[in-house]
Amino acid sequence: MKLKTLLPIALVLASSSAYANYQLNLSIALSPQDPIAQALDAAKEKIEERSNGELAIQIFPNSQLGSDEDVVEQIRSGANIAILIDAGRLSEYQPELGILSAPYLVEDHRDYDQITSSALYSDWVESLADQSGLRLLNYNWFQGSRQMLTQNEINAPEDLSGVRIRTINSPVWVKTIEAMGATATPLPWSEVYSALQLGSIDGAEAQLTAAEGQNLHEVITHVALTNHIHLMTGIATSEQWFQSLPEELRIILDEELLSAGNEASIAIAEAQAAVQERMESEGVTFTEVDSELFRERVGGVYEELGYDQYRDQLFSQE
């Protein structure tokens, strides 16, 4: 990693609490106003209270610690950092996990409970820790259903032809957006507003709460309700750092983050309709599309990435 990337991170982490025996610095791409950021603030207080201040949490919103890729590399090197991240990005280290970000995998975000309680998922999590040094603590943070945010109205896959859509930089995301008919353009989330403003992209796919947090309603005019991915995410940290914690602190961290994820997911699910109303009041037009037209397009993503076998295994388990 470049020195100019490392220096800001090192300076920020140097401000860690001098009183806690252990410190965890948590990176999220979301704004402080997002329900997930607020749930993490509440979890921070509970963790510090239950640990009697022995474990301190510091939250860095808006990707203040750098891009997800840079932060993940810091975590793999053993740094006391965690990140809110989707499984598509983790598939670089544990390919099977990528299916959790596959299109139209579930009908409702609560269906992920069946997946993350399976023995197969647990095996993937342990393999990820062993092979890459990344400990996935939990995977129950629903960020919202992904929609198409564009300058022109989208009703069918054909309307996305030649449209440059920002997406996440991982194979399952890129292939999904391309299969839906658009030109996939990976960019850091923090750069999306300016890219739309400058016209270097034509749209983005995102959940409504995050879009509102970045004021994207100021630079797009249409939202197509494709619901192509119900974005569930998890918190990953360094396996080396996690195992250095006393067992009681590992338990506190696990329990409070799991509880906060459940609470945040409920808040996000309830917030989506209200966000739509606010964006409509700002002049954004929402379009109900036939999701089956897009669903038919993305079946090949499973076959190309080898996810079809994992899908069958996950949903055939007791």
Protein backbone atom coordinates (compact mmCIF):
# COMPACT_ATOMS: atom_id res chain seq x y z
CA MET A 1 0.00 0.00 0.00
CA LYS A 2 1.17 3.50 -0.78
CA LEU A 3 2.66 5.56 2.02
CA LYS A 4 0.21 8.41 1.42
CA THR A 5 -2.63 5.98 2.15
CA LEU A 6 -1.05 4.59 5.29
CA LEU A 7 -0.19 7.89 6.92
CA PRO A 8 -3.76 9.21 7.42
CA ILE A 9 -4.81 5.83 8.83
CA ALA A 10 -1.84 5.73 11.18
CA LEU A 11 -2.52 9.25 12.41
CA VAL A 12 -6.19 8.55 13.04
CA LEU A 13 -5.50 5.33 14.88
CA ALA A 14 -2.87 7.04 17.00
CA SER A 15 -5.71 8.97 18.62
CA SER A 16 -7.01 5.78 20.23
CA SER A 17 -8.13 5.91 23.83
CA ALA A 18 -5.23 5.86 26.24
CA TYR A 19 -7.35 4.23 28.91
CA ALA A 20 -8.71 1.10 27.21
CA ASN A 21 -6.64 -2.06 27.10
CA TYR A 22 -8.12 -2.86 23.68
CA GLN A 23 -9.32 -0.57 20.89
CA LEU A 24 -11.30 -1.40 17.75
CA ASN A 25 -11.54 1.18 14.95
CA LEU A 26 -14.60 0.54 12.81
CA SER A 27 -14.78 1.79 9.22
CA ILE A 28 -18.10 2.31 7.43
CA ALA A 29 -18.85 3.97 4.09
CA LEU A 30 -22.18 5.31 5.35
CA SER A 31 -22.95 8.75 6.72
CA PRO A 32 -23.35 9.31 10.48
CA GLN A 33 -27.10 9.85 9.94
CA ASP A 34 -27.65 6.38 8.48
CA PRO A 35 -29.63 4.03 10.78
CA ILE A 36 -26.73 1.58 10.67
CA ALA A 37 -24.26 4.21 11.87
CA GLN A 38 -26.64 5.10 14.67
CA ALA A 39 -27.02 1.46 15.68
CA LEU A 40 -23.24 1.13 15.78
CA ASP A 41 -23.01 4.18 18.04
CA ALA A 42 -25.44 2.51 20.44
CA ALA A 43 -23.46 -0.75 20.28
CA LYS A 44 -20.25 1.15 21.03
CA GLU A 45 -21.73 2.47 24.28
CA LYS A 46 -22.98 -0.95 25.34
CA ILE A 47 -19.66 -2.66 24.55
CA GLU A 48 -17.68 -0.09 26.50
CA GLU A 49 -20.11 -0.25 29.40
CA ARG A 50 -20.19 -4.06 29.58
CA SER A 51 -16.41 -4.26 29.33
CA ASN A 52 -15.93 -1.58 31.99
CA GLY A 53 -14.01 0.47 29.46
CA GLU A 54 -11.55 -2.32 28.73
CA LEU A 55 -12.65 -2.48 25.06
CA ALA A 56 -13.09 0.88 23.33
CA ILE A 57 -14.77 1.34 19.95
CA GLN A 58 -14.16 4.23 17.58
CA ILE A 59 -16.38 4.59 14.51
CA PHE A 60 -15.19 6.25 11.30
CA PRO A 61 -18.08 7.04 8.90
CA ASN A 62 -17.86 8.15 5.26
CA SER A 63 -14.82 5.93 4.59
CA GLN A 64 -12.56 8.18 6.65
CA LEU A 65 -10.00 5.39 7.00
CA GLY A 66 -9.71 4.98 3.24
CA SER A 67 -11.22 2.78 0.56
CA ASP A 68 -12.62 -0.62 1.53
CA GLU A 69 -9.77 -2.31 -0.32
CA ASP A 70 -7.13 -0.38 1.66
CA VAL A 71 -8.88 -0.99 4.96
CA VAL A 72 -9.20 -4.73 4.30
CA GLU A 73 -5.46 -4.96 3.66
CA GLN A 74 -4.78 -3.21 6.96
CA ILE A 75 -7.07 -5.69 8.71
CA ARG A 76 -5.33 -8.66 7.10
CA SER A 77 -2.02 -7.35 8.39
CA GLY A 78 -3.35 -7.61 11.96
CA ALA A 79 -4.45 -4.02 12.59
CA ASN A 80 -7.13 -3.39 15.21
CA ILE A 81 -9.63 -2.32 12.57
CA ALA A 82 -13.03 -3.66 11.50
CA ILE A 83 -15.13 -2.87 8.46
CA LEU A 84 -18.78 -3.12 7.51
CA ILE A 85 -18.56 -5.05 4.27
CA ASP A 86 -20.57 -7.15 1.84
CA ALA A 87 -19.71 -10.75 1.00
CA GLY A 88 -19.03 -9.88 -2.63
CA ARG A 89 -15.85 -8.10 -1.59
CA LEU A 90 -14.89 -10.99 0.69
CA SER A 91 -15.25 -13.45 -2.20
CA GLU A 92 -11.74 -12.49 -3.29
CA TYR A 93 -10.53 -14.42 -0.23
CA GLN A 94 -13.33 -17.00 0.15
CA PRO A 95 -15.05 -17.42 -3.25
CA GLU A 96 -18.11 -19.22 -1.89
CA LEU A 97 -19.13 -16.21 0.20
CA GLY A 98 -19.83 -14.26 -2.97
CA ILE A 99 -23.20 -15.93 -3.31
CA LEU A 100 -24.48 -13.86 -0.40
CA SER A 101 -24.32 -10.83 -2.73
CA ALA A 102 -25.81 -12.62 -5.72
CA PRO A 103 -28.87 -11.12 -7.44
CA TYR A 104 -32.38 -12.20 -6.47
CA LEU A 105 -30.97 -14.78 -4.04
CA VAL A 106 -33.76 -14.24 -1.50
CA GLU A 107 -37.23 -12.71 -1.55
CA ASP A 108 -36.82 -10.94 1.79
CA HIS A 109 -33.75 -9.92 3.78
CA ARG A 110 -34.94 -12.05 6.69
CA ASP A 111 -34.33 -15.12 4.53
CA TYR A 112 -30.62 -14.61 5.17
CA ASP A 113 -31.15 -16.00 8.67
CA GLN A 114 -31.48 -19.48 7.17
CA ILE A 115 -28.20 -19.04 5.31
CA THR A 116 -26.11 -17.67 8.17
CA SER A 117 -27.34 -20.32 10.60
CA SER A 118 -26.24 -23.16 8.30
CA ALA A 119 -23.22 -25.38 8.85
CA LEU A 120 -22.03 -24.61 5.33
CA TYR A 121 -21.88 -20.88 6.02
CA SER A 122 -20.02 -21.52 9.29
CA ASP A 123 -17.44 -23.58 7.39
CA TRP A 124 -16.90 -20.70 4.96
CA VAL A 125 -16.42 -18.22 7.82
CA GLU A 126 -13.81 -20.40 9.51
CA SER A 127 -12.01 -21.00 6.22
CA LEU A 128 -11.96 -17.24 5.59
CA ALA A 129 -10.30 -16.69 8.97
CA ASP A 130 -7.76 -19.47 8.45
CA GLN A 131 -6.82 -18.59 4.89
CA SER A 132 -6.97 -14.78 4.82
CA GLY A 133 -6.79 -13.57 8.42
CA LEU A 134 -10.26 -12.00 8.17
CA ARG A 135 -12.73 -12.81 10.94
CA LEU A 136 -16.34 -12.27 9.86
CA LEU A 137 -18.05 -11.56 13.17
CA ASN A 138 -21.65 -11.49 12.00
CA TYR A 139 -23.61 -11.04 8.80
CA ASN A 140 -26.95 -9.58 9.81
CA TRP A 141 -26.72 -5.91 8.83
CA PHE A 142 -29.44 -5.24 6.24
CA GLN A 143 -28.58 -2.05 4.37
CA GLY A 144 -31.63 -2.02 2.11
CA SER A 145 -32.78 -3.26 -1.27
CA ARG A 146 -30.69 -2.09 -4.22
CA GLN A 147 -32.36 0.04 -6.87
CA MET A 148 -31.29 1.74 -10.10
CA LEU A 149 -30.75 5.50 -9.70
CA THR A 150 -30.45 7.20 -13.09
CA GLN A 151 -30.99 10.35 -15.14
CA ASN A 152 -33.44 8.66 -17.51
CA GLU A 153 -36.44 6.46 -16.79
CA ILE A 154 -35.72 2.72 -16.70
CA ASN A 155 -38.57 0.29 -17.33
CA ALA A 156 -36.82 -2.75 -18.80
CA PRO A 157 -33.28 -4.16 -19.25
CA GLU A 158 -33.12 -2.67 -22.74
CA ASP A 159 -33.32 0.82 -21.22
CA LEU A 160 -29.98 0.20 -19.49
CA SER A 161 -28.09 -0.40 -22.73
CA GLY A 162 -25.03 1.88 -22.79
CA VAL A 163 -25.89 3.36 -19.39
CA ARG A 164 -22.83 3.62 -17.12
CA ILE A 165 -23.93 2.43 -13.69
CA ARG A 166 -21.70 2.69 -10.63
CA THR A 167 -21.46 -0.53 -8.67
CA ILE A 168 -19.23 -2.27 -6.15
CA ASN A 169 -15.85 -3.48 -7.36
CA SER A 170 -16.22 -7.24 -7.09
CA PRO A 171 -17.01 -9.92 -9.69
CA VAL A 172 -20.54 -10.74 -8.53
CA TRP A 173 -21.60 -7.09 -8.51
CA VAL A 174 -20.01 -6.21 -11.85
CA LYS A 175 -21.42 -9.29 -13.60
CA THR A 176 -24.87 -8.66 -12.11
CA ILE A 177 -25.08 -5.09 -13.41
CA GLU A 178 -23.79 -6.14 -16.82
CA ALA A 179 -26.30 -8.99 -16.98
CA MET A 180 -29.09 -6.54 -16.15
CA GLY A 181 -28.14 -4.62 -19.29
CA ALA A 182 -25.93 -1.74 -18.08
CA THR A 183 -22.24 -0.91 -18.33
CA ALA A 184 -20.82 -1.63 -14.88
CA THR A 185 -18.53 1.13 -13.56
CA PRO A 186 -16.89 0.35 -10.20
CA LEU A 187 -16.18 3.41 -8.06
CA PRO A 188 -15.69 4.10 -4.34
CA TRP A 189 -19.00 5.11 -2.77
CA SER A 190 -17.56 8.44 -1.64
CA GLU A 191 -16.96 9.43 -5.30
CA VAL A 192 -20.45 8.70 -6.64
CA TYR A 193 -21.99 12.13 -6.09
CA SER A 194 -19.21 13.99 -7.91
CA ALA A 195 -19.11 11.39 -10.70
CA LEU A 196 -22.83 11.85 -11.31
CA GLN A 197 -22.48 15.61 -11.12
CA LEU A 198 -19.64 15.61 -13.66
CA GLY A 199 -21.33 13.08 -15.94
CA SER A 200 -18.58 10.48 -15.78
CA ILE A 201 -21.30 7.97 -14.87
CA ASP A 202 -24.99 7.97 -15.81
CA GLY A 203 -26.36 6.40 -12.66
CA ALA A 204 -25.73 4.18 -9.69
CA GLU A 205 -27.29 1.16 -8.05
CA ALA A 206 -27.78 1.57 -4.34
CA GLN A 207 -30.15 1.29 -1.42
CA LEU A 208 -32.32 4.33 -0.74
CA THR A 209 -31.08 5.12 2.76
CA ALA A 210 -27.46 5.26 1.61
CA ALA A 211 -28.42 7.28 -1.47
CA GLU A 212 -30.19 9.84 0.68
CA GLY A 213 -27.21 9.95 3.04
CA GLN A 214 -25.05 11.03 0.10
CA ASN A 215 -27.69 13.43 -1.27
CA LEU A 216 -27.86 11.56 -4.56
CA HIS A 217 -31.40 12.85 -5.07
CA GLU A 218 -29.69 16.12 -6.05
CA VAL A 219 -27.90 14.54 -9.01
CA ILE A 220 -30.35 11.89 -10.30
CA THR A 221 -33.93 12.20 -11.48
CA HIS A 222 -35.26 8.62 -11.62
CA VAL A 223 -35.26 5.49 -9.47
CA ALA A 224 -36.26 2.12 -10.92
CA LEU A 225 -37.40 -0.23 -8.16
CA THR A 226 -35.57 -3.32 -9.36
CA ASN A 227 -34.83 -4.75 -5.88
CA HIS A 228 -32.09 -6.79 -7.56
CA ILE A 229 -30.11 -7.38 -4.36
CA HIS A 230 -31.28 -7.22 -0.76
CA LEU A 231 -27.99 -5.94 0.59
CA MET A 232 -26.93 -7.78 3.69
CA THR A 233 -23.52 -6.99 5.13
CA GLY A 234 -21.29 -8.09 7.97
CA ILE A 235 -18.50 -6.84 10.17
CA ALA A 236 -15.06 -8.24 9.45
CA THR A 237 -11.99 -7.70 11.59
CA SER A 238 -8.52 -9.13 12.00
CA GLU A 239 -8.47 -12.76 13.12
CA GLN A 240 -5.12 -12.08 14.76
CA TRP A 241 -6.50 -9.12 16.72
CA PHE A 242 -9.76 -10.90 17.57
CA GLN A 243 -7.98 -13.92 19.00
CA SER A 244 -5.79 -11.61 21.11
CA LEU A 245 -8.89 -10.49 23.03
CA PRO A 246 -9.78 -12.22 26.30
CA GLU A 247 -12.69 -14.58 25.77
CA GLU A 248 -15.12 -12.42 27.73
CA LEU A 249 -14.41 -9.45 25.47
CA ARG A 250 -14.89 -11.57 22.35
CA ILE A 251 -18.29 -12.62 23.70
CA ILE A 252 -19.32 -9.03 24.48
CA LEU A 253 -18.24 -7.82 21.05
CA ASP A 254 -20.07 -10.66 19.28
CA GLU A 255 -23.28 -10.30 21.26
CA GLU A 256 -23.60 -6.53 21.05
CA LEU A 257 -22.77 -6.31 17.34
CA LEU A 258 -25.23 -9.11 16.57
CA SER A 259 -27.96 -7.37 18.56
CA ALA A 260 -27.21 -4.02 16.94
CA GLY A 261 -27.33 -5.59 13.49
CA ASN A 262 -30.80 -6.96 14.15
CA GLU A 263 -32.03 -3.59 15.40
CA ALA A 264 -30.47 -1.71 12.48
CA SER A 265 -32.01 -4.10 9.96
CA ILE A 266 -35.49 -3.43 11.34
CA ALA A 267 -34.88 0.32 11.24
CA ILE A 268 -33.60 0.18 7.65
CA ALA A 269 -36.56 -1.91 6.47
CA GLU A 270 -38.97 0.56 8.04
CA ALA A 271 -37.11 3.62 6.73
CA GLN A 272 -37.17 2.78 3.01
CA ALA A 273 -40.72 3.98 2.33
CA ALA A 274 -40.13 7.25 4.17
CA VAL A 275 -36.93 7.87 2.20
CA GLN A 276 -38.81 7.31 -1.04
CA GLU A 277 -41.41 9.90 0.00
CA ARG A 278 -38.72 12.46 0.81
CA MET A 279 -36.91 11.86 -2.48
CA GLU A 280 -40.17 12.16 -4.41
CA SER A 281 -40.81 15.49 -2.70
CA GLU A 282 -37.42 16.60 -4.07
CA GLY A 283 -38.54 15.80 -7.62
CA VAL A 284 -37.24 12.24 -8.09
CA THR A 285 -39.57 9.95 -10.07
CA PHE A 286 -39.94 6.34 -8.90
CA THR A 287 -40.85 3.59 -11.35
CA GLU A 288 -42.28 0.18 -10.51
CA VAL A 289 -40.69 -2.28 -12.92
CA ASP A 290 -41.36 -5.91 -13.74
CA SER A 291 -38.52 -7.47 -11.73
CA GLU A 292 -38.96 -10.77 -13.57
CA LEU A 293 -37.51 -9.15 -16.70
CA PHE A 294 -34.31 -8.44 -14.78
CA ARG A 295 -34.36 -11.70 -12.84
CA GLU A 296 -34.36 -13.66 -16.11
CA ARG A 297 -31.24 -11.79 -17.20
CA VAL A 298 -29.08 -12.63 -14.18
CA GLY A 299 -29.43 -16.43 -14.03
CA GLY A 300 -26.17 -16.80 -15.91
CA VAL A 301 -24.29 -14.97 -13.15
CA TYR A 302 -24.78 -17.99 -10.87
CA GLU A 303 -23.51 -20.39 -13.50
CA GLU A 304 -20.55 -18.25 -14.55
CA LEU A 305 -19.30 -17.84 -10.97
CA GLY A 306 -20.16 -21.39 -9.89
CA TYR A 307 -22.74 -20.21 -7.39
CA ASP A 308 -25.59 -22.43 -8.57
CA GLN A 309 -24.26 -25.38 -6.56
CA TYR A 310 -23.93 -23.27 -3.40
CA ARG A 311 -27.46 -21.92 -3.77
CA ASP A 312 -28.83 -25.45 -3.88
CA GLN A 313 -26.76 -26.52 -0.89
CA LEU A 314 -27.71 -23.53 1.25
CA PHE A 315 -31.43 -23.85 0.77
CA SER A 316 -31.54 -27.65 0.98
CA GLN A 317 -30.13 -27.72 4.52
CA GLU A 318 -32.36 -28.32 7.50
